[in-house]
Amino acid sequence: QVQLRESGPGLVKPSQTLSLTCTVSCAPSGGTSSNYVMGWFRQAPGKEREFVAAISRTGGGTYYADSVKGRFTISRDNAKNPVHLQIDSLKPEDTAVYYCAARFGPWASYVTVATQNAWNAWGQGTQVTVSS
C-alpha cells in the first residue's frame, strides 16, 4: 500500500518562493518513491483539481501545465525518497490545495499523465495560501 504525505509552509506572501515536499511510504514492501512516476495537482477554491507537474521515475522526464511553466519545478531525489515542487514568484492565484500523486504505470504522454485517472495513489493535500 502506497501512502503519500504532503508538507509545506502553508501561508506565504506574493513573490516569495515555496517548496512543497511529498514523502512516499510503501507497506509492507518498504519501497520508495523511485518505484513510481510522481506528480502534483492542485485545486483552487471553487475550481476543479488540475494537473500541475509530473516527473518520471529516473527524474529524466518532466511535464508541466502551461499555466505554471517557468515558475514551477518538480524534482526528486530517489536516494532520499521525497519529491519536491518548488514554486517561484508566487501569485495569489496559486492559492490552492496541492496534492501529490503516484502513478504505477509507465511514463507516458502528457495527455495521459495530465489526466487524474492515470494516477493510482493520492495524498491528503496541503493548503497553500498566497496572501500579503
Protein backbone atom coordinates (compact mmCIF):
# COMPACT_ATOMS: atom_id res chain seq x y z
CA GLN A 1 0.00 0.00 0.00
CA VAL A 2 1.38 3.35 -1.06
CA GLN A 3 0.89 6.31 1.23
CA LEU A 4 1.72 9.86 0.28
CA ARG A 5 2.10 12.82 2.61
CA GLU A 6 2.48 16.40 1.50
CA SER A 7 4.04 19.14 3.58
CA GLY A 8 4.72 22.81 3.13
CA PRO A 9 4.68 26.19 4.89
CA GLY A 10 1.01 26.95 4.29
CA LEU A 11 0.88 30.74 4.23
CA VAL A 12 3.29 32.67 2.02
CA LYS A 13 3.50 36.16 0.56
CA PRO A 14 3.30 37.07 -3.11
CA SER A 15 6.60 36.99 -4.99
CA GLN A 16 8.13 34.58 -2.49
CA THR A 17 9.39 31.08 -3.24
CA LEU A 18 7.75 27.99 -1.81
CA SER A 19 8.83 24.38 -1.66
CA LEU A 20 6.39 21.54 -1.14
CA THR A 21 7.51 18.05 -0.21
CA CYS A 22 5.85 14.71 -0.83
CA THR A 23 7.03 11.76 1.23
CA VAL A 24 6.23 8.27 -0.01
CA SER A 25 5.91 5.18 2.12
CA CYS A 26 5.17 1.69 0.86
CA ALA A 27 3.98 -1.05 3.17
CA PRO A 28 4.78 -3.86 3.57
CA SER A 29 7.37 -3.82 0.77
CA GLY A 30 9.19 -0.82 2.16
CA GLY A 31 9.69 0.60 -1.32
CA THR A 32 10.32 4.24 -2.07
CA SER A 33 9.15 6.90 -4.47
CA SER A 34 11.66 5.64 -7.06
CA ASN A 35 9.16 2.91 -7.88
CA TYR A 36 6.63 5.40 -9.24
CA VAL A 37 6.03 8.22 -11.60
CA MET A 38 5.25 11.15 -9.32
CA GLY A 39 3.12 14.20 -9.85
CA TRP A 40 1.45 17.24 -8.35
CA PHE A 41 -2.08 18.51 -8.84
CA ARG A 42 -3.86 21.46 -7.25
CA GLN A 43 -7.40 22.54 -6.54
CA ALA A 44 -8.17 26.20 -6.13
CA PRO A 45 -11.31 27.35 -4.29
CA GLY A 46 -14.38 26.75 -6.42
CA LYS A 47 -12.43 25.03 -9.19
CA GLU A 48 -11.72 21.52 -10.38
CA ARG A 49 -8.50 19.78 -9.45
CA GLU A 50 -5.93 20.35 -12.17
CA PHE A 51 -2.62 18.86 -13.24
CA VAL A 52 0.48 20.85 -12.30
CA ALA A 53 3.61 18.78 -12.91
CA ALA A 54 4.95 15.24 -13.20
CA ILE A 55 8.35 13.57 -13.13
CA SER A 56 9.50 10.21 -14.41
CA ARG A 57 10.98 7.51 -12.20
CA THR A 58 14.54 8.49 -13.02
CA GLY A 59 13.87 12.20 -12.97
CA GLY A 60 14.93 12.46 -16.59
CA GLY A 61 11.49 13.41 -17.83
CA THR A 62 9.17 16.16 -16.64
CA TYR A 63 5.89 17.70 -17.69
CA TYR A 64 4.35 20.98 -16.63
CA ALA A 65 0.97 22.54 -17.19
CA ASP A 66 1.22 25.55 -19.46
CA SER A 67 -0.10 27.77 -16.69
CA VAL A 68 2.89 27.04 -14.44
CA LYS A 69 5.78 26.67 -16.86
CA GLY A 70 8.74 28.81 -15.91
CA ARG A 71 7.72 29.19 -12.25
CA PHE A 72 7.24 25.62 -11.05
CA THR A 73 9.96 23.00 -10.76
CA ILE A 74 9.37 19.37 -9.87
CA SER A 75 12.32 17.33 -8.65
CA ARG A 76 13.12 14.10 -6.93
CA ASP A 77 15.99 12.56 -5.05
CA ASN A 78 15.38 8.85 -5.23
CA ALA A 79 18.10 8.17 -2.71
CA LYS A 80 16.23 10.21 -0.12
CA ASN A 81 12.64 9.48 -1.18
CA PRO A 82 10.90 12.86 -1.18
CA VAL A 83 9.56 14.54 -4.28
CA HIS A 84 9.58 18.32 -4.30
CA LEU A 85 7.63 21.07 -6.00
CA GLN A 86 9.24 24.49 -5.97
CA ILE A 87 7.10 27.48 -6.85
CA ASP A 88 8.84 30.74 -7.66
CA SER A 89 7.31 34.22 -7.84
CA LEU A 90 4.18 33.14 -6.01
CA LYS A 91 0.91 34.75 -7.04
CA PRO A 92 -2.42 34.94 -5.20
CA GLU A 93 -3.89 32.70 -7.91
CA ASP A 94 -1.51 29.94 -6.78
CA THR A 95 -3.67 29.62 -3.68
CA ALA A 96 -4.95 26.05 -3.67
CA VAL A 97 -4.77 22.67 -2.03
CA TYR A 98 -1.79 20.89 -3.55
CA TYR A 99 -1.92 17.13 -3.94
CA CYS A 100 0.88 14.66 -4.50
CA ALA A 101 0.13 11.63 -6.65
CA ALA A 102 1.85 8.38 -7.64
CA ARG A 103 1.42 6.53 -10.90
CA PHE A 104 2.13 2.80 -11.01
CA GLY A 105 2.18 2.62 -14.80
CA PRO A 106 4.93 3.71 -17.17
CA TRP A 107 5.99 7.23 -18.03
CA ALA A 108 3.54 8.23 -20.74
CA SER A 109 2.40 11.11 -22.93
CA TYR A 110 1.50 14.48 -21.48
CA VAL A 111 -2.16 13.91 -22.29
CA THR A 112 -2.17 10.69 -20.28
CA VAL A 113 -0.16 11.97 -17.34
CA ALA A 114 -2.26 15.11 -17.02
CA THR A 115 -5.39 13.01 -16.56
CA GLN A 116 -6.37 12.27 -12.98
CA ASN A 117 -7.48 8.74 -13.83
CA ALA A 118 -3.89 7.90 -14.77
CA TRP A 119 -2.81 8.18 -11.14
CA ASN A 120 -3.16 5.41 -8.59
CA ALA A 121 -2.44 6.93 -5.20
CA TRP A 122 -3.06 10.37 -3.72
CA GLY A 123 -2.04 12.30 -0.67
CA GLN A 124 -4.45 14.19 1.55
CA GLY A 125 -3.30 17.53 0.19
CA THR A 126 -1.65 20.55 1.73
CA GLN A 127 -3.11 24.05 1.72
CA VAL A 128 -1.07 26.83 0.17
CA THR A 129 -2.35 30.36 0.68
CA VAL A 130 -0.64 33.24 -1.06
CA SER A 131 -1.55 36.50 0.61
CA SER A 132 0.13 39.67 1.75
